Amino acid sequence: MPELWRSAWPFLVPALLPALLLMAAPRWTPRGRRITALLLAASGLLFVADVLLIDHTAVATHQVVNLFPGADGELRHWVVAEVTGPPLHWHLFLAAMLVLAGGVVWLRRNAPPGPQRPLLLAAAVFWYYLALRLGLEANAAGPELAWAVGATPSLVVVLPFFAADLGRRGASFVRLLGGLALLAIAQRLPLIAFGYLASTRQWGTHLDTHRVTEIGGFGGPRQFGEDAVAGWTSLTLLPHLTVWIAVTVVLGVVTGLVPWLRARRSRGGAAPVLTAAAG
């Protein structure tokens, strides 16, 4: 695991910039939104220019790796798919996704100021990054890029904005926790559904777990053999409805507490915080 993240680290900050622009754009003026839309679209067109100027037709094969505890409880690298293709494919896919993001911001350039539906916005950016990672894996992008461009890393940007939106609406700490839990469920349900299809139909990507034959850790070792549904249940369904929801709530409090407090105070809400009575 350290090797995977070490190779992905240089890509992490640029990979999160679209999330920052997408979450911030609703708070800006129409002029700011137009600039944001153009920046996103222009960054996508740079990948098109790269393809036109430099040969990207050499075929490469990359392993799609996921991490699960083995029977001994130690994390094990599972190769869940191998994908072959030229870099041309993932360059054009990434270009299309960036232009798409820019187009959405452009269409919303004259919308009322501030996010009208904070939960939908935060969930949509998560889904966008999930689609980015799945598409990059399916188009044979390098694992270091795929690990950086993921839905879970995007939470570092999404959750502070979401917490601030709740604070601006006067939500108590209890409602902040409830909002984070509801957001986590909304984010994870499409991931779980895609994981089922990917695993039972062997579509590849890191959500295809049909090659993972066992798992250890909490509850003792479990053997799946060729039962893709059993593997999906233990490796995708249950973790994403329990552990990852808890992770989202905790991360949301850690990264969003200050923005939530500042937003509450800026709207003139006094009252005690961090207690159930604040509701």
C-alpha atoms as a PDB file:
ATOM      1  CA  MET A   1       0.000   0.000   0.000  1.00  0.00           C
ATOM      2  CA  PRO A   2       2.727   2.584   0.764  1.00  0.00           C
ATOM      3  CA  GLU A   3       4.232   1.991  -2.690  1.00  0.00           C
ATOM      4  CA  LEU A   4       0.895   2.590  -4.395  1.00  0.00           C
ATOM      5  CA  TRP A   5       0.266   5.860  -2.579  1.00  0.00           C
ATOM      6  CA  ARG A   6       3.872   6.978  -2.974  1.00  0.00           C
ATOM      7  CA  SER A   7       3.602   6.661  -6.748  1.00  0.00           C
ATOM      8  CA  ALA A   8       0.183   8.367  -6.756  1.00  0.00           C
ATOM      9  CA  TRP A   9       1.178  11.288  -4.529  1.00  0.00           C
ATOM     10  CA  PRO A  10       2.585  13.605  -7.271  1.00  0.00           C
ATOM     11  CA  PHE A  11      -0.758  13.376  -9.103  1.00  0.00           C
ATOM     12  CA  LEU A  12      -2.965  13.941  -6.059  1.00  0.00           C
ATOM     13  CA  VAL A  13      -3.035  17.751  -5.895  1.00  0.00           C
ATOM     14  CA  PRO A  14      -3.701  18.350  -9.620  1.00  0.00           C
ATOM     15  CA  ALA A  15      -6.243  15.528  -9.537  1.00  0.00           C
ATOM     16  CA  LEU A  16      -8.228  17.318  -6.799  1.00  0.00           C
ATOM     17  CA  LEU A  17      -8.290  20.715  -8.518  1.00  0.00           C
ATOM     18  CA  PRO A  18     -11.464  19.949 -10.544  1.00  0.00           C
ATOM     19  CA  ALA A  19     -13.220  18.940  -7.304  1.00  0.00           C
ATOM     20  CA  LEU A  20     -12.207  22.245  -5.736  1.00  0.00           C
ATOM     21  CA  LEU A  21     -13.521  24.200  -8.738  1.00  0.00           C
ATOM     22  CA  LEU A  22     -16.783  22.229  -8.899  1.00  0.00           C
ATOM     23  CA  MET A  23     -17.510  22.676  -5.183  1.00  0.00           C
ATOM     24  CA  ALA A  24     -16.536  26.374  -5.148  1.00  0.00           C
ATOM     25  CA  ALA A  25     -18.204  27.474  -8.410  1.00  0.00           C
ATOM     26  CA  PRO A  26     -21.775  27.796  -7.014  1.00  0.00           C
ATOM     27  CA  ARG A  27     -20.496  30.386  -4.512  1.00  0.00           C
ATOM     28  CA  TRP A  28     -19.035  32.649  -7.189  1.00  0.00           C
ATOM     29  CA  THR A  29     -20.481  35.331  -9.426  1.00  0.00           C
ATOM     30  CA  PRO A  30     -21.581  34.485 -12.987  1.00  0.00           C
ATOM     31  CA  ARG A  31     -18.259  35.870 -14.210  1.00  0.00           C
ATOM     32  CA  GLY A  32     -16.350  33.595 -11.816  1.00  0.00           C
ATOM     33  CA  ARG A  33     -18.372  30.612 -12.991  1.00  0.00           C
ATOM     34  CA  ARG A  34     -17.639  31.390 -16.626  1.00  0.00           C
ATOM     35  CA  ILE A  35     -13.929  31.536 -15.851  1.00  0.00           C
ATOM     36  CA  THR A  36     -14.182  28.232 -13.957  1.00  0.00           C
ATOM     37  CA  ALA A  37     -15.986  26.574 -16.857  1.00  0.00           C
ATOM     38  CA  LEU A  38     -13.384  27.773 -19.325  1.00  0.00           C
ATOM     39  CA  LEU A  39     -10.515  26.608 -17.101  1.00  0.00           C
ATOM     40  CA  LEU A  40     -11.982  23.111 -16.844  1.00  0.00           C
ATOM     41  CA  ALA A  41     -12.713  22.872 -20.554  1.00  0.00           C
ATOM     42  CA  ALA A  42      -9.308  24.301 -21.502  1.00  0.00           C
ATOM     43  CA  SER A  43      -7.510  21.771 -19.292  1.00  0.00           C
ATOM     44  CA  GLY A  44      -9.371  19.022 -21.133  1.00  0.00           C
ATOM     45  CA  LEU A  45      -8.418  20.450 -24.511  1.00  0.00           C
ATOM     46  CA  LEU A  46      -4.767  20.396 -23.435  1.00  0.00           C
ATOM     47  CA  PHE A  47      -4.977  16.593 -23.355  1.00  0.00           C
ATOM     48  CA  VAL A  48      -6.392  16.655 -26.875  1.00  0.00           C
ATOM     49  CA  ALA A  49      -3.525  18.897 -27.999  1.00  0.00           C
ATOM     50  CA  ASP A  50      -1.076  16.514 -26.334  1.00  0.00           C
ATOM     51  CA  VAL A  51      -2.483  13.636 -28.374  1.00  0.00           C
ATOM     52  CA  LEU A  52      -2.285  15.644 -31.594  1.00  0.00           C
ATOM     53  CA  LEU A  53       1.300  16.775 -31.027  1.00  0.00           C
ATOM     54  CA  ILE A  54       2.835  13.616 -29.534  1.00  0.00           C
ATOM     55  CA  ASP A  55       2.375  10.002 -30.570  1.00  0.00           C
ATOM     56  CA  HIS A  56       0.292   8.143 -27.954  1.00  0.00           C
ATOM     57  CA  THR A  57      -0.464   4.986 -29.918  1.00  0.00           C
ATOM     58  CA  ALA A  58       2.066   2.635 -28.265  1.00  0.00           C
ATOM     59  CA  VAL A  59       0.085  -0.093 -26.518  1.00  0.00           C
ATOM     60  CA  ALA A  60       0.712  -0.743 -22.820  1.00  0.00           C
ATOM     61  CA  THR A  61      -0.707  -3.219 -20.327  1.00  0.00           C
ATOM     62  CA  HIS A  62      -1.466  -2.221 -16.738  1.00  0.00           C
ATOM     63  CA  GLN A  63      -2.615  -4.268 -13.784  1.00  0.00           C
ATOM     64  CA  VAL A  64      -5.597  -2.996 -11.808  1.00  0.00           C
ATOM     65  CA  VAL A  65      -4.789  -3.648  -8.159  1.00  0.00           C
ATOM     66  CA  ASN A  66      -6.973  -3.561  -5.067  1.00  0.00           C
ATOM     67  CA  LEU A  67      -6.067  -4.168  -1.434  1.00  0.00           C
ATOM     68  CA  PHE A  68      -7.863  -6.635   0.811  1.00  0.00           C
ATOM     69  CA  PRO A  69      -6.699  -8.500   3.923  1.00  0.00           C
ATOM     70  CA  GLY A  70      -5.671 -12.062   3.209  1.00  0.00           C
ATOM     71  CA  ALA A  71      -6.525 -15.079   5.331  1.00  0.00           C
ATOM     72  CA  ASP A  72      -3.699 -14.122   7.713  1.00  0.00           C
ATOM     73  CA  GLY A  73      -5.194 -10.643   8.213  1.00  0.00           C
ATOM     74  CA  GLU A  74      -2.341  -8.876   6.387  1.00  0.00           C
ATOM     75  CA  LEU A  75      -3.142  -6.565   3.477  1.00  0.00           C
ATOM     76  CA  ARG A  76      -2.624  -8.317   0.178  1.00  0.00           C
ATOM     77  CA  HIS A  77      -2.363  -6.884  -3.337  1.00  0.00           C
ATOM     78  CA  TRP A  78      -5.002  -8.526  -5.506  1.00  0.00           C
ATOM     79  CA  VAL A  79      -4.715  -8.109  -9.275  1.00  0.00           C
ATOM     80  CA  VAL A  80      -8.403  -7.758 -10.144  1.00  0.00           C
ATOM     81  CA  ALA A  81      -7.930  -6.984 -13.857  1.00  0.00           C
ATOM     82  CA  GLU A  82      -5.381  -6.429 -16.610  1.00  0.00           C
ATOM     83  CA  VAL A  83      -6.107  -3.762 -19.204  1.00  0.00           C
ATOM     84  CA  THR A  84      -4.303  -3.193 -22.495  1.00  0.00           C
ATOM     85  CA  GLY A  85      -4.527  -0.082 -24.648  1.00  0.00           C
ATOM     86  CA  PRO A  86      -2.666   2.991 -25.891  1.00  0.00           C
ATOM     87  CA  PRO A  87      -2.410   6.152 -23.733  1.00  0.00           C
ATOM     88  CA  LEU A  88      -4.444   7.818 -26.469  1.00  0.00           C
ATOM     89  CA  HIS A  89      -7.585   6.282 -24.984  1.00  0.00           C
ATOM     90  CA  TRP A  90      -7.293   7.578 -21.448  1.00  0.00           C
ATOM     91  CA  HIS A  91      -6.096  10.987 -22.665  1.00  0.00           C
ATOM     92  CA  LEU A  92      -9.265  11.421 -24.714  1.00  0.00           C
ATOM     93  CA  PHE A  93     -11.462  10.057 -21.921  1.00  0.00           C
ATOM     94  CA  LEU A  94      -9.969  12.488 -19.405  1.00  0.00           C
ATOM     95  CA  ALA A  95     -10.346  15.337 -21.895  1.00  0.00           C
ATOM     96  CA  ALA A  96     -14.021  14.516 -22.388  1.00  0.00           C
ATOM     97  CA  MET A  97     -14.654  14.387 -18.624  1.00  0.00           C
ATOM     98  CA  LEU A  98     -12.995  17.762 -18.024  1.00  0.00           C
ATOM     99  CA  VAL A  99     -14.923  19.374 -20.868  1.00  0.00           C
ATOM    100  CA  LEU A 100     -18.104  17.825 -19.437  1.00  0.00           C
ATOM    101  CA  ALA A 101     -17.397  19.368 -16.028  1.00  0.00           C
ATOM    102  CA  GLY A 102     -16.748  22.732 -17.645  1.00  0.00           C
ATOM    103  CA  GLY A 103     -19.985  22.457 -19.605  1.00  0.00           C
ATOM    104  CA  VAL A 104     -22.025  21.769 -16.476  1.00  0.00           C
ATOM    105  CA  VAL A 105     -20.553  24.822 -14.730  1.00  0.00           C
ATOM    106  CA  TRP A 106     -21.211  26.934 -17.821  1.00  0.00           C
ATOM    107  CA  LEU A 107     -24.864  25.862 -17.921  1.00  0.00           C
ATOM    108  CA  ARG A 108     -25.210  26.872 -14.259  1.00  0.00           C
ATOM    109  CA  ARG A 109     -23.373  30.181 -14.652  1.00  0.00           C
ATOM    110  CA  ASN A 110     -26.476  32.319 -14.002  1.00  0.00           C
ATOM    111  CA  ALA A 111     -27.967  30.148 -11.240  1.00  0.00           C
ATOM    112  CA  PRO A 112     -28.793  31.767  -7.865  1.00  0.00           C
ATOM    113  CA  PRO A 113     -25.713  32.282  -5.656  1.00  0.00           C
ATOM    114  CA  GLY A 114     -24.741  29.449  -3.346  1.00  0.00           C
ATOM    115  CA  PRO A 115     -25.452  25.700  -3.681  1.00  0.00           C
ATOM    116  CA  GLN A 116     -29.208  25.187  -3.873  1.00  0.00           C
ATOM    117  CA  ARG A 117     -28.898  21.474  -3.082  1.00  0.00           C
ATOM    118  CA  PRO A 118     -25.691  20.897  -1.106  1.00  0.00           C
ATOM    119  CA  LEU A 119     -26.204  17.163  -0.678  1.00  0.00           C
ATOM    120  CA  LEU A 120     -26.792  16.629  -4.397  1.00  0.00           C
ATOM    121  CA  LEU A 121     -23.729  18.701  -5.296  1.00  0.00           C
ATOM    122  CA  ALA A 122     -21.459  16.830  -2.854  1.00  0.00           C
ATOM    123  CA  ALA A 123     -22.765  13.451  -4.024  1.00  0.00           C
ATOM    124  CA  ALA A 124     -22.465  14.403  -7.708  1.00  0.00           C
ATOM    125  CA  VAL A 125     -18.804  15.422  -7.365  1.00  0.00           C
ATOM    126  CA  PHE A 126     -18.103  12.076  -5.626  1.00  0.00           C
ATOM    127  CA  TRP A 127     -19.862  10.197  -8.459  1.00  0.00           C
ATOM    128  CA  TYR A 128     -17.931  12.246 -11.019  1.00  0.00           C
ATOM    129  CA  TYR A 129     -14.644  11.168  -9.471  1.00  0.00           C
ATOM    130  CA  LEU A 130     -15.824   7.582  -9.246  1.00  0.00           C
ATOM    131  CA  ALA A 131     -16.575   7.666 -12.977  1.00  0.00           C
ATOM    132  CA  LEU A 132     -13.176   9.261 -13.615  1.00  0.00           C
ATOM    133  CA  ARG A 133     -11.315   6.477 -11.856  1.00  0.00           C
ATOM    134  CA  LEU A 134     -13.346   3.688 -13.421  1.00  0.00           C
ATOM    135  CA  GLY A 135     -12.906   5.205 -16.869  1.00  0.00           C
ATOM    136  CA  LEU A 136      -9.159   5.664 -16.440  1.00  0.00           C
ATOM    137  CA  GLU A 137      -8.799   2.040 -15.316  1.00  0.00           C
ATOM    138  CA  ALA A 138     -10.922   0.781 -18.220  1.00  0.00           C
ATOM    139  CA  ASN A 139      -8.783   2.800 -20.655  1.00  0.00           C
ATOM    140  CA  ALA A 140      -5.448   1.464 -19.387  1.00  0.00           C
ATOM    141  CA  ALA A 141      -4.215   4.499 -17.483  1.00  0.00           C
ATOM    142  CA  GLY A 142      -1.268   3.907 -15.168  1.00  0.00           C
ATOM    143  CA  PRO A 143      -2.165   2.777 -11.621  1.00  0.00           C
ATOM    144  CA  GLU A 144      -0.434   5.805 -10.082  1.00  0.00           C
ATOM    145  CA  LEU A 145      -2.863   8.139 -11.891  1.00  0.00           C
ATOM    146  CA  ALA A 146      -5.915   5.956 -11.225  1.00  0.00           C
ATOM    147  CA  TRP A 147      -5.194   5.855  -7.479  1.00  0.00           C
ATOM    148  CA  ALA A 148      -4.865   9.639  -7.321  1.00  0.00           C
ATOM    149  CA  VAL A 149      -8.062  10.272  -9.287  1.00  0.00           C
ATOM    150  CA  GLY A 150     -10.598   8.539  -7.075  1.00  0.00           C
ATOM    151  CA  ALA A 151     -13.874   9.190  -5.304  1.00  0.00           C
ATOM    152  CA  THR A 152     -12.478   8.672  -1.810  1.00  0.00           C
ATOM    153  CA  PRO A 153      -9.579  11.179  -2.156  1.00  0.00           C
ATOM    154  CA  SER A 154     -12.107  13.724  -3.445  1.00  0.00           C
ATOM    155  CA  LEU A 155     -13.792  13.669  -0.019  1.00  0.00           C
ATOM    156  CA  VAL A 156     -10.943  15.785   1.356  1.00  0.00           C
ATOM    157  CA  VAL A 157     -12.258  18.629  -0.818  1.00  0.00           C
ATOM    158  CA  VAL A 158     -15.978  17.812  -0.847  1.00  0.00           C
ATOM    159  CA  LEU A 159     -16.633  17.422   2.887  1.00  0.00           C
ATOM    160  CA  PRO A 160     -15.419  20.856   4.130  1.00  0.00           C
ATOM    161  CA  PHE A 161     -17.633  22.592   1.567  1.00  0.00           C
ATOM    162  CA  PHE A 162     -20.596  20.393   2.482  1.00  0.00           C
ATOM    163  CA  ALA A 163     -20.114  21.075   6.201  1.00  0.00           C
ATOM    164  CA  ALA A 164     -19.923  24.810   5.519  1.00  0.00           C
ATOM    165  CA  ASP A 165     -23.176  24.631   3.533  1.00  0.00           C
ATOM    166  CA  LEU A 166     -24.907  22.968   6.481  1.00  0.00           C
ATOM    167  CA  GLY A 167     -23.479  25.555   8.870  1.00  0.00           C
ATOM    168  CA  ARG A 168     -24.714  28.356   6.629  1.00  0.00           C
ATOM    169  CA  ARG A 169     -28.186  26.859   6.939  1.00  0.00           C
ATOM    170  CA  GLY A 170     -27.927  26.829  10.726  1.00  0.00           C
ATOM    171  CA  ALA A 171     -27.576  23.061  11.143  1.00  0.00           C
ATOM    172  CA  SER A 172     -26.648  21.864  14.631  1.00  0.00           C
ATOM    173  CA  PHE A 173     -23.776  19.470  15.250  1.00  0.00           C
ATOM    174  CA  VAL A 174     -26.218  16.565  15.443  1.00  0.00           C
ATOM    175  CA  ARG A 175     -27.661  17.549  12.086  1.00  0.00           C
ATOM    176  CA  LEU A 176     -24.154  17.858  10.703  1.00  0.00           C
ATOM    177  CA  LEU A 177     -23.520  14.237  11.680  1.00  0.00           C
ATOM    178  CA  GLY A 178     -26.836  13.172  10.171  1.00  0.00           C
ATOM    179  CA  GLY A 179     -26.113  15.093   6.973  1.00  0.00           C
ATOM    180  CA  LEU A 180     -22.691  13.477   6.641  1.00  0.00           C
ATOM    181  CA  ALA A 181     -24.193  10.014   7.156  1.00  0.00           C
ATOM    182  CA  LEU A 182     -26.920  10.674   4.579  1.00  0.00           C
ATOM    183  CA  LEU A 183     -24.342  12.010   2.132  1.00  0.00           C
ATOM    184  CA  ALA A 184     -22.161   8.930   2.622  1.00  0.00           C
ATOM    185  CA  ILE A 185     -25.092   6.626   1.855  1.00  0.00           C
ATOM    186  CA  ALA A 186     -26.017   8.608  -1.265  1.00  0.00           C
ATOM    187  CA  GLN A 187     -22.393   8.539  -2.442  1.00  0.00           C
ATOM    188  CA  ARG A 188     -21.866   4.839  -1.896  1.00  0.00           C
ATOM    189  CA  LEU A 189     -25.073   3.360  -3.345  1.00  0.00           C
ATOM    190  CA  PRO A 190     -24.098   3.829  -7.040  1.00  0.00           C
ATOM    191  CA  LEU A 191     -20.618   2.488  -6.226  1.00  0.00           C
ATOM    192  CA  ILE A 192     -22.146  -0.616  -4.653  1.00  0.00           C
ATOM    193  CA  ALA A 193     -24.482  -1.146  -7.620  1.00  0.00           C
ATOM    194  CA  PHE A 194     -21.665  -0.802 -10.153  1.00  0.00           C
ATOM    195  CA  GLY A 195     -19.496  -3.140  -8.075  1.00  0.00           C
ATOM    196  CA  TYR A 196     -22.185  -5.820  -8.312  1.00  0.00           C
ATOM    197  CA  LEU A 197     -22.370  -5.545 -12.101  1.00  0.00           C
ATOM    198  CA  ALA A 198     -18.592  -5.346 -12.475  1.00  0.00           C
ATOM    199  CA  SER A 199     -18.041  -8.428 -10.320  1.00  0.00           C
ATOM    200  CA  THR A 200     -20.828 -10.638 -11.683  1.00  0.00           C
ATOM    201  CA  ARG A 201     -20.162  -9.686 -15.313  1.00  0.00           C
ATOM    202  CA  GLN A 202     -16.385  -9.397 -15.005  1.00  0.00           C
ATOM    203  CA  TRP A 203     -16.171  -5.835 -16.316  1.00  0.00           C
ATOM    204  CA  GLY A 204     -12.801  -5.138 -14.716  1.00  0.00           C
ATOM    205  CA  THR A 205     -11.843  -1.974 -12.736  1.00  0.00           C
ATOM    206  CA  HIS A 206     -11.041  -2.024  -9.020  1.00  0.00           C
ATOM    207  CA  LEU A 207     -14.712  -2.701  -8.187  1.00  0.00           C
ATOM    208  CA  ASP A 208     -14.593  -6.060 -10.001  1.00  0.00           C
ATOM    209  CA  THR A 209     -13.814  -8.468  -7.158  1.00  0.00           C
ATOM    210  CA  HIS A 210     -14.519 -11.802  -8.861  1.00  0.00           C
ATOM    211  CA  ARG A 211     -10.824 -12.736  -8.721  1.00  0.00           C
ATOM    212  CA  VAL A 212     -10.592 -12.219  -4.963  1.00  0.00           C
ATOM    213  CA  THR A 213     -11.113 -15.693  -3.534  1.00  0.00           C
ATOM    214  CA  GLU A 214     -10.712 -15.053   0.214  1.00  0.00           C
ATOM    215  CA  ILE A 215     -10.600 -12.387   2.870  1.00  0.00           C
ATOM    216  CA  GLY A 216      -9.393 -12.297   6.444  1.00  0.00           C
ATOM    217  CA  GLY A 217      -9.522  -9.767   9.236  1.00  0.00           C
ATOM    218  CA  PHE A 218     -12.628  -8.988  11.303  1.00  0.00           C
ATOM    219  CA  GLY A 219     -14.913 -12.020  11.584  1.00  0.00           C
ATOM    220  CA  GLY A 220     -12.206 -14.498  10.606  1.00  0.00           C
ATOM    221  CA  PRO A 221     -11.190 -15.795   7.175  1.00  0.00           C
ATOM    222  CA  ARG A 222     -13.858 -16.304   4.533  1.00  0.00           C
ATOM    223  CA  GLN A 223     -13.502 -18.227   1.294  1.00  0.00           C
ATOM    224  CA  PHE A 224     -15.417 -17.147  -1.808  1.00  0.00           C
ATOM    225  CA  GLY A 225     -14.003 -19.418  -4.477  1.00  0.00           C
ATOM    226  CA  GLU A 226     -15.790 -18.571  -7.716  1.00  0.00           C
ATOM    227  CA  ASP A 227     -18.870 -17.110  -6.023  1.00  0.00           C
ATOM    228  CA  ALA A 228     -18.739 -13.525  -7.292  1.00  0.00           C
ATOM    229  CA  VAL A 229     -21.872 -12.504  -5.390  1.00  0.00           C
ATOM    230  CA  ALA A 230     -20.449 -13.678  -2.068  1.00  0.00           C
ATOM    231  CA  GLY A 231     -17.243 -11.812  -2.802  1.00  0.00           C
ATOM    232  CA  TRP A 232     -19.138  -8.638  -3.709  1.00  0.00           C
ATOM    233  CA  THR A 233     -21.203  -8.882  -0.531  1.00  0.00           C
ATOM    234  CA  SER A 234     -18.163  -9.139   1.737  1.00  0.00           C
ATOM    235  CA  LEU A 235     -15.777  -6.886  -0.197  1.00  0.00           C
ATOM    236  CA  THR A 236     -18.072  -4.142  -1.486  1.00  0.00           C
ATOM    237  CA  LEU A 237     -21.612  -4.168  -0.074  1.00  0.00           C
ATOM    238  CA  LEU A 238     -20.920  -4.564   3.639  1.00  0.00           C
ATOM    239  CA  PRO A 239     -17.781  -2.367   3.887  1.00  0.00           C
ATOM    240  CA  HIS A 240     -19.336   0.495   1.958  1.00  0.00           C
ATOM    241  CA  LEU A 241     -22.505   0.440   4.057  1.00  0.00           C
ATOM    242  CA  THR A 242     -20.586   0.355   7.342  1.00  0.00           C
ATOM    243  CA  VAL A 243     -16.873   1.191   7.429  1.00  0.00           C
ATOM    244  CA  TRP A 244     -16.869   3.750   4.617  1.00  0.00           C
ATOM    245  CA  ILE A 245     -19.907   5.561   5.987  1.00  0.00           C
ATOM    246  CA  ALA A 246     -18.170   5.815   9.369  1.00  0.00           C
ATOM    247  CA  VAL A 247     -14.974   7.011   7.657  1.00  0.00           C
ATOM    248  CA  THR A 248     -16.934   9.687   5.778  1.00  0.00           C
ATOM    249  CA  VAL A 249     -18.614  10.944   8.952  1.00  0.00           C
ATOM    250  CA  VAL A 250     -15.341  11.075  10.907  1.00  0.00           C
ATOM    251  CA  LEU A 251     -13.457  12.690   8.018  1.00  0.00           C
ATOM    252  CA  GLY A 252     -16.308  15.143   7.592  1.00  0.00           C
ATOM    253  CA  VAL A 253     -16.045  16.209  11.229  1.00  0.00           C
ATOM    254  CA  VAL A 254     -12.242  16.465  11.101  1.00  0.00           C
ATOM    255  CA  THR A 255     -12.115  18.495   7.882  1.00  0.00           C
ATOM    256  CA  GLY A 256     -15.461  20.246   8.160  1.00  0.00           C
ATOM    257  CA  LEU A 257     -15.773  21.294  11.797  1.00  0.00           C
ATOM    258  CA  VAL A 258     -14.023  24.652  11.343  1.00  0.00           C
ATOM    259  CA  PRO A 259     -15.887  25.563   8.109  1.00  0.00           C
ATOM    260  CA  TRP A 260     -19.179  24.568   9.795  1.00  0.00           C
ATOM    261  CA  LEU A 261     -18.447  26.724  12.851  1.00  0.00           C
ATOM    262  CA  ARG A 262     -17.367  29.700  10.751  1.00  0.00           C
ATOM    263  CA  ALA A 263     -20.475  29.444   8.564  1.00  0.00           C
ATOM    264  CA  ARG A 264     -22.789  29.276  11.606  1.00  0.00           C
ATOM    265  CA  ARG A 265     -21.161  32.319  13.172  1.00  0.00           C
ATOM    266  CA  SER A 266     -21.225  34.284   9.929  1.00  0.00           C
ATOM    267  CA  ARG A 267     -25.008  33.909   9.770  1.00  0.00           C
ATOM    268  CA  GLY A 268     -25.345  35.138  13.370  1.00  0.00           C
ATOM    269  CA  GLY A 269     -26.220  31.787  14.900  1.00  0.00           C
ATOM    270  CA  ALA A 270     -24.984  31.693  18.464  1.00  0.00           C
ATOM    271  CA  ALA A 271     -26.160  28.828  20.615  1.00  0.00           C
ATOM    272  CA  PRO A 272     -24.173  25.969  22.062  1.00  0.00           C
ATOM    273  CA  VAL A 273     -22.464  23.579  19.718  1.00  0.00           C
ATOM    274  CA  LEU A 274     -21.252  19.997  19.910  1.00  0.00           C
ATOM    275  CA  THR A 275     -24.284  18.973  21.969  1.00  0.00           C
ATOM    276  CA  ALA A 276     -27.590  17.397  21.152  1.00  0.00           C
ATOM    277  CA  ALA A 277     -29.266  20.468  22.619  1.00  0.00           C
ATOM    278  CA  ALA A 278     -27.879  22.500  19.738  1.00  0.00           C
ATOM    279  CA  GLY A 279     -30.507  20.919  17.525  1.00  0.00           C
END
